[in-house]
Structure formats: structure tokens, C-alpha cells
Amino acid sequence: NQGGARAKVKSVDMQAVEISPSASAKGFEARATWNVIGSIGHWGHVHSRTNQYEAELQIEAVEDRWRLTGMTILQEQRL
């Protein structure tokens, strides 16, 4: 779109996950690293991107299903 960017995710590749008990009895915490491969399009052309993220995730059981209830991004970098 003219004046606006569009992002399209092609794949998400999990690199590492470390799971630990949560302070909440309903779930667990995970420290995860993953790569996102995609493209950004704006003003008629497209850029391919691969970004890596590291985050602390809070996972809890909600209505008998695992749900992501919190996320703190620790690092983001373009590869």
C-alpha cells in the first residue's frame, strides 16, 4: 500500500527452549529463542528479513488449554 508497510511471516523456526516452574501453580515459564523469516513490502517493493527473538514466556492453563499469558522480549536482532 502506498505510504504503509505490510509484513508477511513465511516461517517461524524454534532455536532453543528452556522450561522452568512458574510462580503460578497453573503453568510454567519458558525462555525461548526463535527465528522469524518473512518479508516487508512498502512503496512497491519487498525486502526479505530474518529476525531472531529471545523472550521469557509465561504459559498457564486457562479453561483446560495452554495459553500464552505473558511475554517479555529480551532481545531482537536482524540476522
Protein backbone atom coordinates (compact mmCIF):
# COMPACT_ATOMS: atom_id res chain seq x y z
CA ASN A 1 0.00 0.00 0.00
CA GLN A 2 1.19 3.47 -0.74
CA GLY A 3 2.56 5.01 2.46
CA GLY A 4 2.10 1.86 4.58
CA ALA A 5 4.11 -1.30 5.12
CA ARG A 6 2.88 -4.89 5.08
CA ALA A 7 4.64 -7.73 6.83
CA LYS A 8 4.25 -11.37 5.85
CA VAL A 9 5.65 -14.19 8.00
CA LYS A 10 6.82 -17.16 5.94
CA SER A 11 8.16 -19.35 8.76
CA VAL A 12 8.97 -19.46 12.45
CA ASP A 13 11.91 -21.69 13.41
CA MET A 14 12.35 -22.52 17.10
CA GLN A 15 16.05 -22.46 18.04
CA ALA A 16 16.04 -23.19 21.79
CA VAL A 17 13.62 -23.54 24.72
CA GLU A 18 14.38 -23.84 28.43
CA ILE A 19 11.37 -24.64 30.64
CA SER A 20 11.19 -23.86 34.35
CA PRO A 21 8.50 -23.94 37.05
CA SER A 22 6.30 -20.88 37.34
CA ALA A 23 5.49 -18.91 40.47
CA SER A 24 1.89 -19.65 39.45
CA ALA A 25 0.73 -23.20 40.18
CA LYS A 26 -1.30 -23.07 36.94
CA GLY A 27 1.57 -23.19 34.48
CA PHE A 28 5.26 -22.84 33.67
CA GLU A 29 7.77 -20.38 32.27
CA ALA A 30 9.96 -20.79 29.21
CA ARG A 31 12.95 -18.89 27.90
CA ALA A 32 12.82 -19.26 24.14
CA THR A 33 14.84 -18.22 21.09
CA TRP A 34 13.28 -18.34 17.63
CA ASN A 35 13.87 -17.00 14.11
CA VAL A 36 11.16 -15.38 12.01
CA ILE A 37 11.62 -15.40 8.24
CA GLY A 38 9.41 -13.10 6.24
CA SER A 39 9.09 -10.08 4.04
CA ILE A 40 8.21 -6.42 4.37
CA GLY A 41 6.58 -4.67 1.45
CA HIS A 42 6.18 -0.93 1.02
CA TRP A 43 6.09 1.60 -1.80
CA GLY A 44 6.00 -1.13 -4.45
CA HIS A 45 9.00 -3.21 -3.42
CA VAL A 46 9.71 -6.05 -0.98
CA HIS A 47 12.54 -6.68 1.50
CA SER A 48 13.23 -10.19 2.82
CA ARG A 49 14.03 -10.33 6.52
CA THR A 50 15.16 -12.85 9.11
CA ASN A 51 14.91 -11.68 12.70
CA GLN A 52 15.85 -13.56 15.86
CA TYR A 53 13.96 -13.10 19.11
CA GLU A 54 14.69 -14.18 22.66
CA ALA A 55 11.93 -13.91 25.25
CA GLU A 56 10.65 -15.10 28.60
CA LEU A 57 7.19 -16.63 28.18
CA GLN A 58 4.53 -17.32 30.80
CA ILE A 59 2.27 -20.27 29.93
CA GLU A 60 -0.82 -21.12 32.01
CA ALA A 61 -3.75 -23.49 31.80
CA VAL A 62 -6.88 -21.48 31.03
CA GLU A 63 -10.15 -23.35 30.59
CA ASP A 64 -8.22 -26.63 30.23
CA ARG A 65 -5.97 -25.30 27.43
CA TRP A 66 -2.41 -23.96 27.48
CA ARG A 67 -2.34 -20.21 26.82
CA LEU A 68 0.45 -17.68 26.49
CA THR A 69 -0.38 -15.26 29.31
CA GLY A 70 2.75 -13.11 29.31
CA MET A 71 5.84 -12.36 27.24
CA THR A 72 8.92 -10.24 27.87
CA ILE A 73 11.12 -9.75 24.81
CA LEU A 74 14.75 -9.86 25.95
CA GLN A 75 16.46 -9.40 22.59
CA GLU A 76 15.60 -8.81 18.95
CA GLN A 77 18.14 -8.75 16.15
CA ARG A 78 18.17 -8.87 12.38
CA LEU A 79 20.20 -11.78 11.03
